[in-house]
Amino acid sequence: MVRKHKIIANEEVPNMYGNNRSIDVDKLRNDMENESLGAFWGGGFGGAIMEASDIRKASDEELIKIAKRQGKNLDDYQG
């Protein structure tokens, strides 16, 4: 079952499709964790292993904030 998190559009998370949208947080979390682990294994960036752990433990709201901070396009995860 796919878990979705509904967020309200605001300055922090702009939304071009209306006031509300659902984000597939499981896919977002999986992609972000895999990117961090890839940076660790592929590039030897030690901090990436801690980042992957933070992503794994983050609440849905925290995950969305981390994604925005990393410049992720949340439209790619719209449900």
PDB file of N, CA and C in Angstrom:
ATOM      1  N   MET A   1       0.838  -1.171   0.000  1.00  0.00           N
ATOM      2  CA  MET A   1       0.000   0.000   0.000  1.00  0.00           C
ATOM      3  C   MET A   1       0.885   1.237   0.000  1.00  0.00           C
ATOM      4  N   VAL A   2       0.562   2.179  -0.825  1.00  0.00           N
ATOM      5  CA  VAL A   2       1.326   3.411  -0.941  1.00  0.00           C
ATOM      6  C   VAL A   2       0.793   4.404   0.079  1.00  0.00           C
ATOM      7  N   ARG A   3       1.700   4.917   0.915  1.00  0.00           N
ATOM      8  CA  ARG A   3       1.327   5.953   1.872  1.00  0.00           C
ATOM      9  C   ARG A   3       1.518   7.299   1.212  1.00  0.00           C
ATOM     10  N   LYS A   4       0.556   8.161   1.398  1.00  0.00           N
ATOM     11  CA  LYS A   4       0.655   9.509   0.847  1.00  0.00           C
ATOM     12  C   LYS A   4       0.499  10.498   1.974  1.00  0.00           C
ATOM     13  N   HIS A   5       1.141  11.608   1.827  1.00  0.00           N
ATOM     14  CA  HIS A   5       1.071  12.667   2.821  1.00  0.00           C
ATOM     15  C   HIS A   5       0.509  13.898   2.131  1.00  0.00           C
ATOM     16  N   LYS A   6      -0.573  14.416   2.646  1.00  0.00           N
ATOM     17  CA  LYS A   6      -1.184  15.615   2.061  1.00  0.00           C
ATOM     18  C   LYS A   6      -0.529  16.840   2.664  1.00  0.00           C
ATOM     19  N   ILE A   7      -0.080  17.735   1.794  1.00  0.00           N
ATOM     20  CA  ILE A   7       0.529  18.973   2.266  1.00  0.00           C
ATOM     21  C   ILE A   7      -0.243  20.155   1.691  1.00  0.00           C
ATOM     22  N   ILE A   8      -0.177  21.227   2.400  1.00  0.00           N
ATOM     23  CA  ILE A   8      -0.823  22.470   1.980  1.00  0.00           C
ATOM     24  C   ILE A   8       0.233  23.327   1.285  1.00  0.00           C
ATOM     25  N   ALA A   9      -0.117  23.889   0.167  1.00  0.00           N
ATOM     26  CA  ALA A   9       0.817  24.757  -0.548  1.00  0.00           C
ATOM     27  C   ALA A   9       1.052  26.024   0.265  1.00  0.00           C
ATOM     28  N   ASN A  10       2.299  26.416   0.346  1.00  0.00           N
ATOM     29  CA  ASN A  10       2.663  27.671   0.986  1.00  0.00           C
ATOM     30  C   ASN A  10       3.975  28.146   0.400  1.00  0.00           C
ATOM     31  N   GLU A  11       4.587  29.151   1.002  1.00  0.00           N
ATOM     32  CA  GLU A  11       5.830  29.672   0.457  1.00  0.00           C
ATOM     33  C   GLU A  11       6.932  28.619   0.473  1.00  0.00           C
ATOM     34  N   GLU A  12       6.927  27.763   1.491  1.00  0.00           N
ATOM     35  CA  GLU A  12       7.974  26.758   1.628  1.00  0.00           C
ATOM     36  C   GLU A  12       7.808  25.634   0.613  1.00  0.00           C
ATOM     37  N   VAL A  13       6.560  25.273   0.330  1.00  0.00           N
ATOM     38  CA  VAL A  13       6.273  24.188  -0.602  1.00  0.00           C
ATOM     39  C   VAL A  13       5.257  24.684  -1.620  1.00  0.00           C
ATOM     40  N   PRO A  14       5.726  25.397  -2.637  1.00  0.00           N
ATOM     41  CA  PRO A  14       4.781  25.925  -3.624  1.00  0.00           C
ATOM     42  C   PRO A  14       4.064  24.812  -4.382  1.00  0.00           C
ATOM     43  N   ASN A  15       2.863  25.097  -4.815  1.00  0.00           N
ATOM     44  CA  ASN A  15       2.050  24.095  -5.481  1.00  0.00           C
ATOM     45  C   ASN A  15       1.368  24.738  -6.678  1.00  0.00           C
ATOM     46  N   MET A  16       1.731  24.276  -7.858  1.00  0.00           N
ATOM     47  CA  MET A  16       1.149  24.861  -9.051  1.00  0.00           C
ATOM     48  C   MET A  16      -0.173  24.207  -9.449  1.00  0.00           C
ATOM     49  N   TYR A  17      -0.613  23.184  -8.710  1.00  0.00           N
ATOM     50  CA  TYR A  17      -1.813  22.439  -9.079  1.00  0.00           C
ATOM     51  C   TYR A  17      -3.003  22.733  -8.177  1.00  0.00           C
ATOM     52  N   GLY A  18      -2.953  23.732  -7.352  1.00  0.00           N
ATOM     53  CA  GLY A  18      -4.061  24.047  -6.466  1.00  0.00           C
ATOM     54  C   GLY A  18      -3.580  24.161  -5.032  1.00  0.00           C
ATOM     55  N   ASN A  19      -4.511  24.167  -4.107  1.00  0.00           N
ATOM     56  CA  ASN A  19      -4.163  24.399  -2.712  1.00  0.00           C
ATOM     57  C   ASN A  19      -3.567  23.189  -2.012  1.00  0.00           C
ATOM     58  N   ASN A  20      -3.994  21.999  -2.356  1.00  0.00           N
ATOM     59  CA  ASN A  20      -3.522  20.798  -1.683  1.00  0.00           C
ATOM     60  C   ASN A  20      -2.948  19.817  -2.694  1.00  0.00           C
ATOM     61  N   ARG A  21      -2.043  19.005  -2.228  1.00  0.00           N
ATOM     62  CA  ARG A  21      -1.547  17.922  -3.060  1.00  0.00           C
ATOM     63  C   ARG A  21      -1.051  16.817  -2.161  1.00  0.00           C
ATOM     64  N   SER A  22      -1.021  15.612  -2.699  1.00  0.00           N
ATOM     65  CA  SER A  22      -0.520  14.462  -1.963  1.00  0.00           C
ATOM     66  C   SER A  22       0.850  14.099  -2.495  1.00  0.00           C
ATOM     67  N   ILE A  23       1.736  13.771  -1.575  1.00  0.00           N
ATOM     68  CA  ILE A  23       3.091  13.375  -1.917  1.00  0.00           C
ATOM     69  C   ILE A  23       3.265  11.906  -1.562  1.00  0.00           C
ATOM     70  N   ASP A  24       3.816  11.123  -2.474  1.00  0.00           N
ATOM     71  CA  ASP A  24       4.128   9.724  -2.208  1.00  0.00           C
ATOM     72  C   ASP A  24       5.411   9.703  -1.368  1.00  0.00           C
ATOM     73  N   VAL A  25       5.238   9.737  -0.044  1.00  0.00           N
ATOM     74  CA  VAL A  25       6.389   9.863   0.851  1.00  0.00           C
ATOM     75  C   VAL A  25       7.261   8.612   0.859  1.00  0.00           C
ATOM     76  N   ASP A  26       6.683   7.459   0.613  1.00  0.00           N
ATOM     77  CA  ASP A  26       7.492   6.234   0.579  1.00  0.00           C
ATOM     78  C   ASP A  26       8.463   6.254  -0.593  1.00  0.00           C
ATOM     79  N   LYS A  27       7.984   6.672  -1.760  1.00  0.00           N
ATOM     80  CA  LYS A  27       8.861   6.771  -2.935  1.00  0.00           C
ATOM     81  C   LYS A  27       9.914   7.856  -2.723  1.00  0.00           C
ATOM     82  N   LEU A  28       9.495   9.003  -2.186  1.00  0.00           N
ATOM     83  CA  LEU A  28      10.426  10.094  -1.903  1.00  0.00           C
ATOM     84  C   LEU A  28      11.504   9.636  -0.928  1.00  0.00           C
ATOM     85  N   ARG A  29      11.103   8.991   0.153  1.00  0.00           N
ATOM     86  CA  ARG A  29      12.051   8.512   1.164  1.00  0.00           C
ATOM     87  C   ARG A  29      13.023   7.509   0.550  1.00  0.00           C
ATOM     88  N   ASN A  30      12.501   6.576  -0.230  1.00  0.00           N
ATOM     89  CA  ASN A  30      13.330   5.549  -0.859  1.00  0.00           C
ATOM     90  C   ASN A  30      14.353   6.176  -1.811  1.00  0.00           C
ATOM     91  N   ASP A  31      13.899   7.103  -2.653  1.00  0.00           N
ATOM     92  CA  ASP A  31      14.807   7.761  -3.600  1.00  0.00           C
ATOM     93  C   ASP A  31      15.892   8.555  -2.880  1.00  0.00           C
ATOM     94  N   MET A  32      15.498   9.299  -1.853  1.00  0.00           N
ATOM     95  CA  MET A  32      16.473  10.113  -1.130  1.00  0.00           C
ATOM     96  C   MET A  32      17.484   9.250  -0.381  1.00  0.00           C
ATOM     97  N   GLU A  33      17.005   8.175   0.212  1.00  0.00           N
ATOM     98  CA  GLU A  33      17.910   7.273   0.934  1.00  0.00           C
ATOM     99  C   GLU A  33      18.890   6.617  -0.036  1.00  0.00           C
ATOM    100  N   ASN A  34      18.388   6.183  -1.187  1.00  0.00           N
ATOM    101  CA  ASN A  34      19.266   5.558  -2.185  1.00  0.00           C
ATOM    102  C   ASN A  34      20.308   6.540  -2.714  1.00  0.00           C
ATOM    103  N   GLU A  35      19.923   7.794  -2.916  1.00  0.00           N
ATOM    104  CA  GLU A  35      20.883   8.806  -3.370  1.00  0.00           C
ATOM    105  C   GLU A  35      21.979   9.016  -2.330  1.00  0.00           C
ATOM    106  N   SER A  36      21.591   9.069  -1.059  1.00  0.00           N
ATOM    107  CA  SER A  36      22.582   9.256   0.005  1.00  0.00           C
ATOM    108  C   SER A  36      23.528   8.068   0.083  1.00  0.00           C
ATOM    109  N   LEU A  37      22.975   6.869   0.013  1.00  0.00           N
ATOM    110  CA  LEU A  37      23.828   5.675   0.073  1.00  0.00           C
ATOM    111  C   LEU A  37      24.728   5.594  -1.153  1.00  0.00           C
ATOM    112  N   GLY A  38      24.239   6.047  -2.306  1.00  0.00           N
ATOM    113  CA  GLY A  38      25.066   6.073  -3.510  1.00  0.00           C
ATOM    114  C   GLY A  38      26.236   7.033  -3.357  1.00  0.00           C
ATOM    115  N   ALA A  39      25.984   8.171  -2.702  1.00  0.00           N
ATOM    116  CA  ALA A  39      27.066   9.129  -2.459  1.00  0.00           C
ATOM    117  C   ALA A  39      28.107   8.527  -1.509  1.00  0.00           C
ATOM    118  N   PHE A  40      27.640   7.719  -0.572  1.00  0.00           N
ATOM    119  CA  PHE A  40      28.566   7.072   0.361  1.00  0.00           C
ATOM    120  C   PHE A  40      29.398   6.005  -0.342  1.00  0.00           C
ATOM    121  N   TRP A  41      28.721   5.085  -1.015  1.00  0.00           N
ATOM    122  CA  TRP A  41      29.421   3.962  -1.652  1.00  0.00           C
ATOM    123  C   TRP A  41      30.179   4.382  -2.904  1.00  0.00           C
ATOM    124  N   GLY A  42      29.604   5.278  -3.686  1.00  0.00           N
ATOM    125  CA  GLY A  42      30.237   5.681  -4.939  1.00  0.00           C
ATOM    126  C   GLY A  42      31.300   6.752  -4.785  1.00  0.00           C
ATOM    127  N   GLY A  43      31.051   7.679  -3.870  1.00  0.00           N
ATOM    128  CA  GLY A  43      31.965   8.811  -3.760  1.00  0.00           C
ATOM    129  C   GLY A  43      32.748   8.861  -2.467  1.00  0.00           C
ATOM    130  N   GLY A  44      32.439   7.955  -1.554  1.00  0.00           N
ATOM    131  CA  GLY A  44      33.154   7.935  -0.296  1.00  0.00           C
ATOM    132  C   GLY A  44      32.811   9.087   0.629  1.00  0.00           C
ATOM    133  N   PHE A  45      31.660   9.720   0.413  1.00  0.00           N
ATOM    134  CA  PHE A  45      31.228  10.829   1.264  1.00  0.00           C
ATOM    135  C   PHE A  45      30.660  10.266   2.554  1.00  0.00           C
ATOM    136  N   GLY A  46      31.445  10.317   3.628  1.00  0.00           N
ATOM    137  CA  GLY A  46      31.074   9.706   4.904  1.00  0.00           C
ATOM    138  C   GLY A  46      29.819  10.270   5.529  1.00  0.00           C
ATOM    139  N   GLY A  47      29.567  11.566   5.331  1.00  0.00           N
ATOM    140  CA  GLY A  47      28.378  12.180   5.909  1.00  0.00           C
ATOM    141  C   GLY A  47      27.087  11.652   5.313  1.00  0.00           C
ATOM    142  N   ALA A  48      27.172  11.043   4.135  1.00  0.00           N
ATOM    143  CA  ALA A  48      25.972  10.550   3.451  1.00  0.00           C
ATOM    144  C   ALA A  48      25.335   9.396   4.211  1.00  0.00           C
ATOM    145  N   ILE A  49      26.123   8.608   4.914  1.00  0.00           N
ATOM    146  CA  ILE A  49      25.544   7.481   5.671  1.00  0.00           C
ATOM    147  C   ILE A  49      24.688   8.020   6.821  1.00  0.00           C
ATOM    148  N   MET A  50      25.121   9.117   7.433  1.00  0.00           N
ATOM    149  CA  MET A  50      24.324   9.738   8.492  1.00  0.00           C
ATOM    150  C   MET A  50      23.068  10.387   7.902  1.00  0.00           C
ATOM    151  N   GLU A  51      23.225  10.982   6.730  1.00  0.00           N
ATOM    152  CA  GLU A  51      22.076  11.588   6.065  1.00  0.00           C
ATOM    153  C   GLU A  51      21.029  10.528   5.736  1.00  0.00           C
ATOM    154  N   ALA A  52      21.478   9.357   5.259  1.00  0.00           N
ATOM    155  CA  ALA A  52      20.542   8.269   4.950  1.00  0.00           C
ATOM    156  C   ALA A  52      19.798   7.837   6.203  1.00  0.00           C
ATOM    157  N   SER A  53      20.497   7.799   7.323  1.00  0.00           N
ATOM    158  CA  SER A  53      19.860   7.441   8.584  1.00  0.00           C
ATOM    159  C   SER A  53      18.835   8.492   9.000  1.00  0.00           C
ATOM    160  N   ASP A  54      19.179   9.773   8.837  1.00  0.00           N
ATOM    161  CA  ASP A  54      18.238  10.848   9.165  1.00  0.00           C
ATOM    162  C   ASP A  54      16.988  10.762   8.288  1.00  0.00           C
ATOM    163  N   ILE A  55      17.176  10.462   7.019  1.00  0.00           N
ATOM    164  CA  ILE A  55      16.053  10.342   6.083  1.00  0.00           C
ATOM    165  C   ILE A  55      15.155   9.177   6.482  1.00  0.00           C
ATOM    166  N   ARG A  56      15.759   8.068   6.863  1.00  0.00           N
ATOM    167  CA  ARG A  56      15.000   6.886   7.259  1.00  0.00           C
ATOM    168  C   ARG A  56      14.149   7.162   8.488  1.00  0.00           C
ATOM    169  N   LYS A  57      14.665   7.949   9.433  1.00  0.00           N
ATOM    170  CA  LYS A  57      13.985   8.213  10.704  1.00  0.00           C
ATOM    171  C   LYS A  57      13.044   9.415  10.664  1.00  0.00           C
ATOM    172  N   ALA A  58      13.131  10.243   9.636  1.00  0.00           N
ATOM    173  CA  ALA A  58      12.362  11.492   9.578  1.00  0.00           C
ATOM    174  C   ALA A  58      10.863  11.237   9.484  1.00  0.00           C
ATOM    175  N   SER A  59      10.098  12.106  10.139  1.00  0.00           N
ATOM    176  CA  SER A  59       8.645  12.079   9.959  1.00  0.00           C
ATOM    177  C   SER A  59       8.357  12.526   8.529  1.00  0.00           C
ATOM    178  N   ASP A  60       7.128  12.354   8.099  1.00  0.00           N
ATOM    179  CA  ASP A  60       6.753  12.779   6.751  1.00  0.00           C
ATOM    180  C   ASP A  60       7.023  14.271   6.556  1.00  0.00           C
ATOM    181  N   GLU A  61       6.660  15.082   7.542  1.00  0.00           N
ATOM    182  CA  GLU A  61       6.866  16.528   7.448  1.00  0.00           C
ATOM    183  C   GLU A  61       8.353  16.864   7.387  1.00  0.00           C
ATOM    184  N   GLU A  62       9.152  16.211   8.235  1.00  0.00           N
ATOM    185  CA  GLU A  62      10.597  16.449   8.225  1.00  0.00           C
ATOM    186  C   GLU A  62      11.206  16.027   6.892  1.00  0.00           C
ATOM    187  N   LEU A  63      10.736  14.912   6.353  1.00  0.00           N
ATOM    188  CA  LEU A  63      11.243  14.423   5.075  1.00  0.00           C
ATOM    189  C   LEU A  63      11.003  15.442   3.961  1.00  0.00           C
ATOM    190  N   ILE A  64       9.826  16.023   3.942  1.00  0.00           N
ATOM    191  CA  ILE A  64       9.495  17.023   2.924  1.00  0.00           C
ATOM    192  C   ILE A  64      10.391  18.252   3.080  1.00  0.00           C
ATOM    193  N   LYS A  65      10.657  18.649   4.309  1.00  0.00           N
ATOM    194  CA  LYS A  65      11.560  19.788   4.536  1.00  0.00           C
ATOM    195  C   LYS A  65      12.975  19.471   4.066  1.00  0.00           C
ATOM    196  N   ILE A  66      13.458  18.266   4.344  1.00  0.00           N
ATOM    197  CA  ILE A  66      14.792  17.852   3.886  1.00  0.00           C
ATOM    198  C   ILE A  66      14.830  17.854   2.360  1.00  0.00           C
ATOM    199  N   ALA A  67      13.770  17.334   1.745  1.00  0.00           N
ATOM    200  CA  ALA A  67      13.709  17.278   0.279  1.00  0.00           C
ATOM    201  C   ALA A  67      13.769  18.674  -0.326  1.00  0.00           C
ATOM    202  N   LYS A  68      13.022  19.614   0.252  1.00  0.00           N
ATOM    203  CA  LYS A  68      13.041  20.992  -0.247  1.00  0.00           C
ATOM    204  C   LYS A  68      14.423  21.608  -0.058  1.00  0.00           C
ATOM    205  N   ARG A  69      15.051  21.333   1.083  1.00  0.00           N
ATOM    206  CA  ARG A  69      16.392  21.859   1.341  1.00  0.00           C
ATOM    207  C   ARG A  69      17.401  21.328   0.318  1.00  0.00           C
ATOM    208  N   GLN A  70      17.189  20.090  -0.128  1.00  0.00           N
ATOM    209  CA  GLN A  70      18.068  19.479  -1.130  1.00  0.00           C
ATOM    210  C   GLN A  70      17.692  19.872  -2.556  1.00  0.00           C
ATOM    211  N   GLY A  71      16.619  20.625  -2.703  1.00  0.00           N
ATOM    212  CA  GLY A  71      16.206  21.081  -4.032  1.00  0.00           C
ATOM    213  C   GLY A  71      15.421  20.064  -4.818  1.00  0.00           C
ATOM    214  N   LYS A  72      14.812  19.097  -4.142  1.00  0.00           N
ATOM    215  CA  LYS A  72      14.000  18.089  -4.828  1.00  0.00           C
ATOM    216  C   LYS A  72      12.746  18.737  -5.412  1.00  0.00           C
ATOM    217  N   ASN A  73      12.337  18.261  -6.546  1.00  0.00           N
ATOM    218  CA  ASN A  73      11.091  18.706  -7.172  1.00  0.00           C
ATOM    219  C   ASN A  73       9.980  17.769  -6.666  1.00  0.00           C
ATOM    220  N   LEU A  74       9.177  18.245  -5.747  1.00  0.00           N
ATOM    221  CA  LEU A  74       8.128  17.407  -5.175  1.00  0.00           C
ATOM    222  C   LEU A  74       7.037  17.067  -6.169  1.00  0.00           C
ATOM    223  N   ASP A  75       6.965  17.794  -7.278  1.00  0.00           N
ATOM    224  CA  ASP A  75       5.998  17.448  -8.320  1.00  0.00           C
ATOM    225  C   ASP A  75       6.265  16.045  -8.869  1.00  0.00           C
ATOM    226  N   ASP A  76       7.520  15.588  -8.801  1.00  0.00           N
ATOM    227  CA  ASP A  76       7.851  14.244  -9.252  1.00  0.00           C
ATOM    228  C   ASP A  76       7.259  13.159  -8.375  1.00  0.00           C
ATOM    229  N   TYR A  77       6.799  13.531  -7.175  1.00  0.00           N
ATOM    230  CA  TYR A  77       6.284  12.570  -6.211  1.00  0.00           C
ATOM    231  C   TYR A  77       4.815  12.816  -5.903  1.00  0.00           C
ATOM    232  N   GLN A  78       4.178  13.614  -6.735  1.00  0.00           N
ATOM    233  CA  GLN A  78       2.768  13.905  -6.524  1.00  0.00           C
ATOM    234  C   GLN A  78       1.929  12.678  -6.795  1.00  0.00           C
ATOM    235  N   GLY A  79       1.002  12.404  -5.886  1.00  0.00           N
ATOM    236  CA  GLY A  79       0.164  11.220  -6.024  1.00  0.00           C
ATOM    237  C   GLY A  79      -1.164  11.512  -6.636  1.00  0.00           C
TER     238      GLY A  79
END
